[in-house]
């Protein structure tokens, strides 16, 4: 690709780039143009399309057309690792399913600064939010590549492992408080525009023994935060606009499910469930609903049996799973076997959901002394161009198909 781009630049003169008179048609001086150029660009990794779009106006249009009609971008999986030792440095690795490549993010100053200031564990929530809560500060990031961080004063209650979600412009911090000093179910909301905290109604009493993020799966849309008990499927919703809790809802459509998590794929709430028990997993299923409620849940698809076998660890057990989702793309992973990530995608033409796997070669090296958080983002040329222009970071392809 670099050789092709070099040849293209050589054949281009200033007159053609500026549309000057007397310039020979691009097709007479370049071996790549029109449909051939678009088809060639469709096989180029997304990160390499940023410099390709700068070659000329015709190349920029070809990049856009290729992404619209030939091989559209798909949601990226980002794996964030934090050292458990000071200064708690954070690194990131991304997978682009369109190109089938893993990339390391070489971060700029804006990323290193918040990582060094996180005294507590780096965590992720509802696929798109990274955060860290300590007695000194609250730090969070919600941009697609998590290159920009915001900082706020900490919530008033001392929280060890709260549930955190960004709902519109409001950051909800719920539960996880130390019960010997504070209400373990207390809820505080940070207005990211006004930079102020407010205290809201506490979490429902049935969540008292499971109010930490370790026991709850979180999903959020522009109106509400949803929290599901992973072991029971009981779900509550919180509306920060009015500061009220709704529910409970039963989001366990199959009695054979022993562990479940939730997320949003497009406008649909998706439930991923493990069937059987931790020592004998029978399967993994996805359900979806346009509205919260057991009656509206419909089965989307089931993971193929051969992939369920890959999900199991060396002892043939699966105690838990995590899920990240955006658009019509879902990633499923297990901390007990992090070297394999499972994905499920809805095909545009047929509407059929298909499963696959991708191996993360760096996963085994993260087992010792590392905390890991997963996010999922819709990344395109614009996001990559903005990151490059801001100098916040650059991606290096480290592993291909």
Protein backbone atom coordinates (compact mmCIF):
# COMPACT_ATOMS: atom_id res chain seq x y z
CA UNK A 1 0.00 0.00 0.00
CA UNK A 2 2.84 2.41 0.80
CA UNK A 3 4.36 1.76 -2.63
CA UNK A 4 1.04 2.44 -4.32
CA UNK A 5 0.58 5.68 -2.37
CA UNK A 6 4.11 6.80 -3.24
CA UNK A 7 3.48 6.18 -6.92
CA UNK A 8 0.21 8.08 -6.73
CA UNK A 9 1.91 11.08 -5.13
CA UNK A 10 4.62 11.01 -7.78
CA UNK A 11 2.09 11.01 -10.61
CA UNK A 12 0.08 13.83 -9.07
CA UNK A 13 1.15 17.39 -9.80
CA UNK A 14 0.07 20.60 -8.14
CA UNK A 15 -2.17 21.53 -11.07
CA UNK A 16 -4.36 18.45 -10.63
CA UNK A 17 -4.58 18.80 -6.85
CA UNK A 18 -5.72 22.38 -7.21
CA UNK A 19 -7.81 21.65 -10.29
CA UNK A 20 -5.49 23.75 -12.49
CA UNK A 21 -5.90 24.07 -16.22
CA UNK A 22 -3.89 21.85 -18.52
CA UNK A 23 -3.63 18.94 -16.07
CA UNK A 24 -3.87 15.55 -17.68
CA UNK A 25 -6.75 13.36 -16.47
CA UNK A 26 -5.79 11.35 -13.38
CA UNK A 27 -6.74 8.13 -15.14
CA UNK A 28 -4.02 8.68 -17.75
CA UNK A 29 -1.27 9.07 -15.17
CA UNK A 30 -2.27 6.69 -12.39
CA UNK A 31 -2.71 2.92 -12.55
CA UNK A 32 -5.35 3.19 -9.78
CA UNK A 33 -8.57 5.10 -10.28
CA UNK A 34 -12.32 4.65 -10.22
CA UNK A 35 -13.68 1.24 -9.25
CA UNK A 36 -10.20 -0.33 -9.20
CA UNK A 37 -9.00 2.23 -6.66
CA UNK A 38 -12.09 1.75 -4.48
CA UNK A 39 -11.72 -2.02 -4.57
CA UNK A 40 -8.03 -1.75 -3.63
CA UNK A 41 -8.81 0.57 -0.73
CA UNK A 42 -11.48 -1.82 0.57
CA UNK A 43 -8.69 -4.25 1.49
CA UNK A 44 -6.62 -1.64 3.34
CA UNK A 45 -6.78 -1.50 7.18
CA UNK A 46 -8.85 1.39 8.44
CA UNK A 47 -5.88 3.07 10.14
CA UNK A 48 -4.06 3.23 6.80
CA UNK A 49 -7.00 4.93 5.08
CA UNK A 50 -6.27 8.17 6.95
CA UNK A 51 -3.03 8.89 5.04
CA UNK A 52 -4.59 7.44 1.88
CA UNK A 53 -7.37 10.03 2.04
CA UNK A 54 -4.74 12.80 2.05
CA UNK A 55 -3.13 11.74 -1.25
CA UNK A 56 -5.55 13.72 -3.40
CA UNK A 57 -9.17 14.74 -3.67
CA UNK A 58 -9.94 11.74 -5.88
CA UNK A 59 -8.38 9.38 -3.34
CA UNK A 60 -10.34 10.99 -0.52
CA UNK A 61 -13.58 10.43 -2.45
CA UNK A 62 -12.54 6.86 -3.22
CA UNK A 63 -11.91 6.18 0.48
CA UNK A 64 -15.36 7.50 1.40
CA UNK A 65 -17.07 5.52 -1.36
CA UNK A 66 -15.22 2.33 -0.42
CA UNK A 67 -16.33 2.63 3.21
CA UNK A 68 -19.94 3.31 2.22
CA UNK A 69 -20.43 0.65 -0.42
CA UNK A 70 -17.76 -2.07 -0.23
CA UNK A 71 -16.47 -2.74 3.29
CA UNK A 72 -18.11 -0.63 5.95
CA UNK A 73 -16.41 0.02 9.31
CA UNK A 74 -17.43 -2.27 12.16
CA UNK A 75 -17.28 -1.51 15.90
CA UNK A 76 -13.81 -1.84 17.39
CA UNK A 77 -13.02 -3.74 20.57
CA UNK A 78 -10.61 -1.87 22.84
CA UNK A 79 -8.76 -3.73 25.58
CA UNK A 80 -7.35 -1.43 28.28
CA UNK A 81 -4.69 -2.72 30.66
CA UNK A 82 -3.64 -1.00 33.87
CA UNK A 83 -0.63 -1.91 35.96
CA UNK A 84 -1.47 -2.68 39.58
CA UNK A 85 1.75 -0.95 40.61
CA UNK A 86 2.43 2.79 40.72
CA UNK A 87 2.19 4.86 38.57
CA UNK A 88 -0.62 2.54 37.38
CA UNK A 89 0.18 3.11 33.72
CA UNK A 90 -2.54 2.32 31.20
CA UNK A 91 -2.03 0.81 27.77
CA UNK A 92 -4.59 0.04 25.08
CA UNK A 93 -4.96 -2.51 22.33
CA UNK A 94 -7.67 -2.38 19.66
CA UNK A 95 -9.20 -4.91 17.29
CA UNK A 96 -10.74 -3.80 14.00
CA UNK A 97 -13.04 -6.57 12.69
CA UNK A 98 -13.36 -4.92 9.28
CA UNK A 99 -9.64 -5.32 8.67
CA UNK A 100 -9.06 -8.28 10.98
CA UNK A 101 -6.07 -6.64 12.69
CA UNK A 102 -4.94 -5.91 16.26
CA UNK A 103 -3.30 -2.57 16.99
CA UNK A 104 -1.41 -1.09 19.90
CA UNK A 105 -2.21 2.48 20.84
CA UNK A 106 0.89 4.58 21.38
CA UNK A 107 -0.54 7.25 23.62
CA UNK A 108 0.08 10.95 23.77
CA UNK A 109 0.34 13.10 26.89
CA UNK A 110 -3.42 13.45 27.40
CA UNK A 111 -3.75 9.71 27.90
CA UNK A 112 -0.77 9.25 30.20
CA UNK A 113 -1.78 12.02 32.58
CA UNK A 114 -5.10 10.57 33.82
CA UNK A 115 -3.65 7.06 33.97
CA UNK A 116 -0.99 8.21 36.41
CA UNK A 117 -3.61 9.93 38.59
CA UNK A 118 -5.92 6.92 38.95
CA UNK A 119 -5.42 5.69 42.50
CA UNK A 120 -8.21 3.12 42.12
CA UNK A 121 -8.78 0.44 39.54
CA UNK A 122 -9.53 1.36 35.96
CA UNK A 123 -12.98 0.03 35.11
CA UNK A 124 -15.39 0.00 32.19
CA UNK A 125 -19.15 0.27 32.06
CA UNK A 126 -21.92 -0.17 29.45
CA UNK A 127 -19.45 -0.76 26.60
CA UNK A 128 -18.46 2.89 26.08
CA UNK A 129 -17.34 4.31 29.44
CA UNK A 130 -13.96 4.09 31.18
CA UNK A 131 -13.66 5.45 34.70
CA UNK A 132 -11.77 5.43 37.97
CA UNK A 133 -13.13 6.46 41.38
CA UNK A 134 -10.94 7.29 44.36
CA UNK A 135 -11.39 9.36 47.53
CA UNK A 136 -9.53 12.17 45.77
CA UNK A 137 -11.11 12.34 42.32
CA UNK A 138 -13.44 10.87 39.74
CA UNK A 139 -11.95 10.42 36.26
CA UNK A 140 -13.88 9.25 33.22
CA UNK A 141 -13.61 8.95 29.44
CA UNK A 142 -16.38 8.35 26.91
CA UNK A 143 -14.92 9.29 23.51
CA UNK A 144 -14.59 6.42 20.98
CA UNK A 145 -10.82 5.96 21.40
CA UNK A 146 -10.70 7.08 25.06
CA UNK A 147 -8.01 9.65 24.38
CA UNK A 148 -9.78 12.48 26.23
CA UNK A 149 -10.38 12.31 29.97
CA UNK A 150 -12.42 14.48 32.30
CA UNK A 151 -11.90 14.88 36.03
CA UNK A 152 -14.30 15.85 38.79
CA UNK A 153 -14.40 16.07 42.55
CA UNK A 154 -15.23 12.66 44.07
CA UNK A 155 -18.72 11.70 45.27
CA UNK A 156 -19.35 12.48 48.93
CA UNK A 157 -19.74 8.82 49.94
CA UNK A 158 -16.63 6.68 50.13
CA UNK A 159 -17.18 4.07 47.43
CA UNK A 160 -15.06 0.99 46.80
CA UNK A 161 -16.78 -0.59 43.78
CA UNK A 162 -19.81 1.45 42.67
CA UNK A 163 -21.96 1.13 39.58
CA UNK A 164 -21.14 3.99 37.19
CA UNK A 165 -22.96 5.00 34.00
CA UNK A 166 -23.08 8.02 31.71
CA UNK A 167 -26.70 8.83 30.85
CA UNK A 168 -26.83 11.79 28.50
CA UNK A 169 -24.87 14.51 30.28
CA UNK A 170 -25.27 12.95 33.72
CA UNK A 171 -22.78 10.57 35.32
CA UNK A 172 -24.54 8.24 37.76
CA UNK A 173 -22.53 6.75 40.66
CA UNK A 174 -24.57 4.22 42.62
CA UNK A 175 -23.93 1.73 45.40
CA UNK A 176 -20.55 0.30 46.29
CA UNK A 177 -20.25 2.43 49.42
CA UNK A 178 -18.76 1.20 52.69
CA UNK A 179 -21.75 0.31 54.84
CA UNK A 180 -19.96 0.95 58.14
CA UNK A 181 -19.85 4.66 57.29
CA UNK A 182 -22.28 5.37 54.43
CA UNK A 183 -25.47 4.04 52.95
CA UNK A 184 -24.27 1.19 50.69
CA UNK A 185 -27.17 1.93 48.32
CA UNK A 186 -26.67 5.68 48.04
CA UNK A 187 -26.83 7.32 44.60
CA UNK A 188 -25.13 10.51 43.47
CA UNK A 189 -25.34 12.13 40.04
CA UNK A 190 -22.69 14.39 38.52
CA UNK A 191 -23.89 16.94 35.96
CA UNK A 192 -21.03 17.11 33.44
CA UNK A 193 -22.26 20.48 32.14
CA UNK A 194 -22.86 22.27 35.43
CA UNK A 195 -20.01 20.41 37.21
CA UNK A 196 -22.21 19.79 40.25
CA UNK A 197 -23.19 16.76 42.34
CA UNK A 198 -26.69 15.92 43.54
CA UNK A 199 -28.00 13.17 45.82
CA UNK A 200 -30.84 11.01 44.49
CA UNK A 201 -33.03 8.17 45.72
CA UNK A 202 -31.04 5.19 46.93
CA UNK A 203 -30.89 1.93 45.00
CA UNK A 204 -33.77 -0.51 45.66
CA UNK A 205 -33.40 -2.41 48.93
CA UNK A 206 -33.27 -5.86 47.24
CA UNK A 207 -29.91 -4.79 45.76
CA UNK A 208 -28.30 -4.28 49.20
CA UNK A 209 -26.23 -7.47 48.98
CA UNK A 210 -25.29 -6.93 45.32
CA UNK A 211 -24.86 -3.17 44.93
CA UNK A 212 -21.27 -3.37 43.63
CA UNK A 213 -20.26 -3.53 39.98
CA UNK A 214 -18.83 -7.01 40.53
CA UNK A 215 -22.40 -8.32 40.94
CA UNK A 216 -24.27 -6.04 38.56
CA UNK A 217 -24.24 -5.69 34.78
CA UNK A 218 -24.87 -2.16 33.51
CA UNK A 219 -26.42 -0.81 30.33
CA UNK A 220 -27.32 2.79 29.49
CA UNK A 221 -29.11 4.73 26.78
CA UNK A 222 -29.74 8.46 26.53
CA UNK A 223 -32.52 8.32 29.16
CA UNK A 224 -31.85 5.63 31.74
CA UNK A 225 -29.33 3.37 33.42
CA UNK A 226 -30.20 -0.32 33.71
CA UNK A 227 -28.64 -2.63 36.30
CA UNK A 228 -29.07 -6.39 36.20
CA UNK A 229 -28.13 -8.86 38.91
CA UNK A 230 -25.84 -11.21 37.01
CA UNK A 231 -26.89 -14.29 39.00
CA UNK A 232 -30.67 -13.75 39.03
CA UNK A 233 -31.48 -11.60 36.00
CA UNK A 234 -33.52 -9.18 38.12
CA UNK A 235 -33.19 -5.73 36.58
CA UNK A 236 -33.90 -2.18 37.77
CA UNK A 237 -33.81 1.08 35.84
CA UNK A 238 -32.78 4.52 37.06
CA UNK A 239 -33.96 7.77 35.49
CA UNK A 240 -31.54 10.57 36.47
CA UNK A 241 -33.86 13.23 35.06
CA UNK A 242 -36.33 12.65 37.90
CA UNK A 243 -33.98 10.77 40.24
CA UNK A 244 -36.26 7.73 40.49
CA UNK A 245 -35.88 3.95 40.23
CA UNK A 246 -38.17 1.73 38.15
CA UNK A 247 -38.78 -2.01 38.22
CA UNK A 248 -37.94 -4.70 39.07
CA UNK A 249 -38.06 -6.50 35.73
CA UNK A 250 -37.32 -10.16 35.09
CA UNK A 251 -34.91 -10.33 32.16
CA UNK A 252 -34.14 -14.03 32.37
CA UNK A 253 -36.24 -15.60 29.59
CA UNK A 254 -34.81 -19.11 30.04
CA UNK A 255 -34.77 -20.88 33.40
CA UNK A 256 -31.57 -22.68 32.38
CA UNK A 257 -29.62 -19.38 32.46
CA UNK A 258 -27.37 -19.17 35.52
CA UNK A 259 -25.42 -16.01 34.62
CA UNK A 260 -26.34 -13.08 32.39
CA UNK A 261 -25.19 -9.60 31.34
CA UNK A 262 -26.84 -6.77 29.42
CA UNK A 263 -25.89 -4.13 26.88
CA UNK A 264 -27.30 -2.05 24.04
CA UNK A 265 -26.83 -2.99 20.37
CA UNK A 266 -28.33 -0.10 18.46
CA UNK A 267 -31.70 0.70 20.07
CA UNK A 268 -32.14 -2.86 21.31
CA UNK A 269 -31.38 -4.03 24.84
CA UNK A 270 -29.44 -7.29 24.51
CA UNK A 271 -29.16 -10.02 27.16
CA UNK A 272 -26.33 -12.58 26.93
CA UNK A 273 -26.81 -15.66 29.08
CA UNK A 274 -24.85 -18.76 30.09
CA UNK A 275 -27.00 -21.91 30.18
CA UNK A 276 -26.48 -24.87 32.48
CA UNK A 277 -24.07 -24.28 35.33
CA UNK A 278 -20.50 -23.09 35.78
CA UNK A 279 -19.12 -26.64 35.71
CA UNK A 280 -21.25 -27.79 32.79
CA UNK A 281 -22.09 -24.94 30.42
CA UNK A 282 -24.68 -26.07 27.91
CA UNK A 283 -24.66 -22.98 25.72
CA UNK A 284 -24.66 -19.21 25.26
CA UNK A 285 -27.69 -17.35 23.94
CA UNK A 286 -28.52 -13.76 23.05
CA UNK A 287 -31.95 -12.19 23.52
CA UNK A 288 -33.10 -8.72 22.54
CA UNK A 289 -35.85 -6.28 23.33
CA UNK A 290 -36.86 -2.80 22.23
CA UNK A 291 -38.40 -2.27 25.68
CA UNK A 292 -37.49 -3.58 29.11
CA UNK A 293 -39.76 -6.42 30.18
CA UNK A 294 -39.68 -10.20 30.06
CA UNK A 295 -42.59 -10.49 27.64
CA UNK A 296 -40.82 -8.45 24.98
CA UNK A 297 -37.55 -10.44 24.99
CA UNK A 298 -36.96 -12.42 21.81
CA UNK A 299 -34.20 -14.91 21.17
CA UNK A 300 -31.64 -13.51 18.72
CA UNK A 301 -29.25 -16.41 18.27
CA UNK A 302 -27.25 -19.13 20.02
CA UNK A 303 -23.48 -19.59 20.03
CA UNK A 304 -22.41 -22.64 17.98
CA UNK A 305 -21.48 -25.67 20.05
CA UNK A 306 -17.87 -25.71 18.86
CA UNK A 307 -17.39 -22.14 20.07
CA UNK A 308 -18.94 -22.95 23.45
CA UNK A 309 -16.21 -25.56 23.84
CA UNK A 310 -13.57 -22.91 23.13
CA UNK A 311 -15.11 -20.66 25.77
CA UNK A 312 -14.45 -23.18 28.53
CA UNK A 313 -11.20 -22.96 30.48
CA UNK A 314 -8.72 -25.78 31.13
CA UNK A 315 -11.05 -27.20 33.77
CA UNK A 316 -14.00 -27.09 31.35
CA UNK A 317 -15.65 -24.38 33.46
CA UNK A 318 -17.14 -20.98 32.68
CA UNK A 319 -18.17 -18.98 35.73
CA UNK A 320 -18.83 -15.64 34.05
CA UNK A 321 -18.77 -13.67 30.81
CA UNK A 322 -18.61 -10.03 29.81
CA UNK A 323 -20.15 -8.29 26.84
CA UNK A 324 -19.49 -5.15 24.76
CA UNK A 325 -21.85 -4.10 22.00
CA UNK A 326 -22.44 -1.35 19.46
CA UNK A 327 -24.73 -1.25 16.46
CA UNK A 328 -25.34 -4.79 15.23
CA UNK A 329 -22.09 -6.14 16.67
CA UNK A 330 -21.59 -7.93 20.00
CA UNK A 331 -18.34 -9.05 21.65
CA UNK A 332 -18.39 -11.75 24.36
CA UNK A 333 -15.35 -12.54 26.49
CA UNK A 334 -14.36 -14.38 29.66
CA UNK A 335 -11.67 -13.36 32.12
CA UNK A 336 -10.87 -17.03 32.67
CA UNK A 337 -9.85 -17.37 29.00
CA UNK A 338 -8.99 -13.84 27.79
CA UNK A 339 -6.92 -14.97 24.81
CA UNK A 340 -10.12 -15.68 22.84
CA UNK A 341 -12.78 -13.05 22.12
CA UNK A 342 -16.08 -14.12 20.58
CA UNK A 343 -18.07 -11.86 18.29
CA UNK A 344 -21.58 -11.98 16.90
CA UNK A 345 -22.66 -9.85 13.95
CA UNK A 346 -25.96 -9.25 12.21
CA UNK A 347 -25.47 -9.41 8.47
CA UNK A 348 -27.12 -6.54 6.58
CA UNK A 349 -28.43 -8.51 3.62
CA UNK A 350 -29.84 -11.60 5.31
CA UNK A 351 -30.46 -10.31 8.81
CA UNK A 352 -28.89 -13.53 10.13
CA UNK A 353 -26.57 -13.31 13.13
CA UNK A 354 -23.27 -15.15 12.72
CA UNK A 355 -20.58 -15.99 15.28
CA UNK A 356 -16.81 -16.01 15.10
CA UNK A 357 -13.68 -15.71 17.24
CA UNK A 358 -10.50 -13.68 17.30
CA UNK A 359 -7.38 -14.45 19.30
CA UNK A 360 -5.60 -11.78 21.33
CA UNK A 361 -1.93 -12.76 21.36
CA UNK A 362 -1.17 -10.26 24.14
CA UNK A 363 -3.74 -11.65 26.58
CA UNK A 364 -1.51 -14.17 28.33
CA UNK A 365 1.07 -11.49 29.05
CA UNK A 366 -1.59 -9.48 30.88
CA UNK A 367 -2.48 -12.20 33.39
CA UNK A 368 -0.01 -11.08 36.06
CA UNK A 369 -0.05 -7.60 37.59
CA UNK A 370 -2.63 -6.16 35.19
CA UNK A 371 -6.23 -5.01 35.45
CA UNK A 372 -8.19 -5.26 32.22
CA UNK A 373 -11.24 -3.29 31.04
CA UNK A 374 -13.09 -3.71 27.75
CA UNK A 375 -14.92 -1.09 25.68
CA UNK A 376 -16.49 -1.08 22.23
CA UNK A 377 -16.61 1.91 19.88
CA UNK A 378 -17.72 2.87 16.41
CA UNK A 379 -14.48 4.14 14.88
CA UNK A 380 -14.13 5.63 11.42
CA UNK A 381 -11.66 7.68 9.43
CA UNK A 382 -12.95 10.87 11.06
CA UNK A 383 -12.18 9.65 14.59
CA UNK A 384 -8.72 8.45 13.55
CA UNK A 385 -8.01 11.72 11.74
CA UNK A 386 -9.06 13.77 14.77
CA UNK A 387 -6.87 11.68 17.08
CA UNK A 388 -3.89 12.13 14.76
CA UNK A 389 -4.49 15.87 14.40
CA UNK A 390 -4.72 16.33 18.17
CA UNK A 391 -1.53 14.35 18.71
CA UNK A 392 -3.21 12.24 21.38
CA UNK A 393 -2.08 8.91 20.02
CA UNK A 394 -1.35 6.69 17.05
CA UNK A 395 -2.08 3.07 16.27
CA UNK A 396 0.53 0.50 15.27
CA UNK A 397 -0.69 -2.65 13.58
CA UNK A 398 0.83 -5.62 15.41
CA UNK A 399 -1.18 -8.61 14.26
CA UNK A 400 -3.19 -9.37 11.13
CA UNK A 401 -5.52 -12.08 9.92
